[in-house]
Amino acid sequence: MTASYEYDGNSAVLSALFHSEEDARAGNPYNTTFRLSVRSDGFSSTGEWECDIAALRAFAEELEGLLSFQRQRAELADLGYGSSLTFAAADRLGHIRVSGTLVGFHGVQRLRFEFMGDQTALGPFLKELRALLGE
């Protein structure tokens, strides 16, 4: 199961989500892992992410606000290697700027990316993300 934001040949795809409820109950913020694959204007990379499930759920809420024009941005940070993912309103017409950094194992590989998207691709991505979260 994946959550895929795709627009004009560019994409951000979240897959292989695993959540440890036991670690979350114990207060371990590294309780959720997933893979993020990005294709941005001909460049691509995949990074492994670790975060608290609460941060991923908050990201979904921020995306909901972005979709309804109530927020200007939604951000998610990786606790493991420092990767980041941001969706930001680019204008009042529903254009979305997707940007961030993917850091590979041991911090050797690094991809800074940015591409333009559209709000029409955000709804399906959010629906798939909520399904991954079991909502």
Protein backbone atom coordinates (compact mmCIF):
# COMPACT_ATOMS: atom_id res chain seq x y z
CA MET A 1 0.00 0.00 0.00
CA THR A 2 1.31 3.47 -0.90
CA ALA A 3 0.40 7.14 -0.70
CA SER A 4 1.43 8.75 -3.97
CA TYR A 5 1.50 12.44 -4.88
CA GLU A 6 2.05 12.60 -8.64
CA TYR A 7 1.89 15.58 -10.95
CA ASP A 8 3.43 16.29 -14.35
CA GLY A 9 6.02 13.49 -14.17
CA ASN A 10 7.14 14.35 -10.64
CA SER A 11 6.19 12.43 -7.52
CA ALA A 12 6.55 11.82 -3.81
CA VAL A 13 5.57 8.27 -2.84
CA LEU A 14 5.32 7.02 0.73
CA SER A 15 5.45 3.21 1.08
CA ALA A 16 6.35 0.32 3.39
CA LEU A 17 4.81 1.98 6.45
CA PHE A 18 5.43 0.14 9.72
CA HIS A 19 4.24 1.34 13.11
CA SER A 20 5.17 -0.21 16.47
CA GLU A 21 2.34 0.47 18.91
CA GLU A 22 4.51 -1.00 21.67
CA ASP A 23 7.29 1.53 21.04
CA ALA A 24 4.75 4.37 20.88
CA ARG A 25 3.26 3.35 24.26
CA ALA A 26 6.78 3.22 25.72
CA GLY A 27 7.38 6.82 24.56
CA ASN A 28 9.91 5.94 21.87
CA PRO A 29 9.55 8.63 19.14
CA TYR A 30 11.14 6.28 16.56
CA ASN A 31 7.97 4.18 16.46
CA THR A 32 7.11 4.54 12.76
CA THR A 33 9.19 3.80 9.68
CA PHE A 34 8.47 4.17 5.99
CA ARG A 35 10.16 4.67 2.66
CA LEU A 36 9.85 7.92 0.70
CA SER A 37 10.67 7.88 -3.01
CA VAL A 38 10.92 11.17 -4.90
CA ARG A 39 11.11 11.90 -8.61
CA SER A 40 11.82 15.58 -9.28
CA ASP A 41 12.54 16.96 -12.74
CA GLY A 42 14.59 13.94 -13.81
CA PHE A 43 16.30 13.27 -10.48
CA SER A 44 15.17 10.54 -8.13
CA SER A 45 15.99 9.04 -4.78
CA THR A 46 14.54 6.86 -2.04
CA GLY A 47 15.10 7.37 1.66
CA GLU A 48 14.18 5.44 4.78
CA TRP A 49 12.34 7.52 7.40
CA GLU A 50 11.76 7.24 11.14
CA CYS A 51 9.27 9.37 13.00
CA ASP A 52 6.64 9.37 15.70
CA ILE A 53 3.21 8.28 14.47
CA ALA A 54 1.84 11.48 16.03
CA ALA A 55 4.04 13.53 13.68
CA LEU A 56 2.78 11.61 10.65
CA ARG A 57 -0.84 12.10 11.76
CA ALA A 58 -0.16 15.82 12.33
CA PHE A 59 1.29 16.00 8.81
CA ALA A 60 -1.95 14.50 7.45
CA GLU A 61 -3.94 17.14 9.37
CA GLU A 62 -1.71 19.90 7.96
CA LEU A 63 -2.27 18.53 4.44
CA GLU A 64 -6.01 18.64 5.09
CA GLY A 65 -5.66 22.31 6.03
CA LEU A 66 -3.60 22.98 2.92
CA LEU A 67 -6.21 21.26 0.76
CA SER A 68 -8.98 23.45 2.21
CA PHE A 69 -6.91 26.67 1.89
CA GLN A 70 -6.75 26.97 5.70
CA ARG A 71 -2.97 26.45 5.91
CA GLN A 72 0.00 27.57 3.84
CA ARG A 73 2.23 24.55 4.43
CA ALA A 74 2.55 21.00 5.73
CA GLU A 75 5.91 19.70 6.93
CA LEU A 76 7.30 16.35 8.01
CA ALA A 77 10.78 15.65 9.40
CA ASP A 78 12.72 12.40 9.62
CA LEU A 79 14.26 11.71 13.02
CA GLY A 80 16.80 9.23 11.66
CA TYR A 81 18.90 11.00 9.04
CA GLY A 82 17.33 14.45 8.87
CA SER A 83 15.29 14.16 5.69
CA SER A 84 12.40 16.59 5.24
CA LEU A 85 9.25 16.91 3.15
CA THR A 86 7.23 20.11 2.70
CA PHE A 87 4.06 20.84 0.76
CA ALA A 88 3.45 24.61 0.48
CA ALA A 89 0.84 26.76 -1.21
CA ALA A 90 2.52 28.47 -4.15
CA ASP A 91 -0.35 30.79 -5.04
CA ARG A 92 -4.10 31.26 -4.64
CA LEU A 93 -4.86 29.11 -7.68
CA GLY A 94 -4.13 25.80 -5.98
CA HIS A 95 -0.54 25.30 -7.11
CA ILE A 96 1.57 23.39 -4.60
CA ARG A 97 5.36 23.51 -4.16
CA VAL A 98 6.72 20.17 -2.99
CA SER A 99 10.24 20.35 -1.59
CA GLY A 100 12.64 18.78 0.84
CA THR A 101 15.76 16.73 1.30
CA LEU A 102 16.22 12.98 1.16
CA VAL A 103 19.25 11.66 3.00
CA GLY A 104 20.50 8.13 2.32
CA PHE A 105 22.01 5.62 4.70
CA HIS A 106 24.87 7.03 6.75
CA GLY A 107 24.25 10.47 5.28
CA VAL A 108 26.41 9.79 2.23
CA GLN A 109 23.78 10.42 -0.46
CA ARG A 110 21.61 13.53 -0.37
CA LEU A 111 18.96 14.84 -2.76
CA ARG A 112 17.51 18.32 -2.40
CA PHE A 113 14.36 18.55 -4.45
CA GLU A 114 11.62 20.94 -5.40
CA PHE A 115 8.84 20.64 -7.94
CA MET A 116 5.54 22.28 -8.66
CA GLY A 117 2.31 20.40 -8.31
CA ASP A 118 -1.38 21.09 -8.11
CA GLN A 119 -4.05 20.82 -5.46
CA THR A 120 -5.93 18.27 -7.61
CA ALA A 121 -3.21 15.70 -6.81
CA LEU A 122 -3.29 16.49 -3.09
CA GLY A 123 -6.74 15.01 -2.39
CA PRO A 124 -5.89 11.50 -3.64
CA PHE A 125 -2.52 11.59 -1.82
CA LEU A 126 -4.22 12.55 1.44
CA LYS A 127 -6.84 9.82 1.04
CA GLU A 128 -4.12 7.20 0.49
CA LEU A 129 -2.09 8.53 3.43
CA ARG A 130 -5.11 8.31 5.73
CA ALA A 131 -5.68 4.72 4.54
CA LEU A 132 -2.05 3.88 5.41
CA LEU A 133 -2.64 5.38 8.85
CA GLY A 134 -5.75 3.24 9.26
CA GLU A 135 -8.10 6.22 9.36
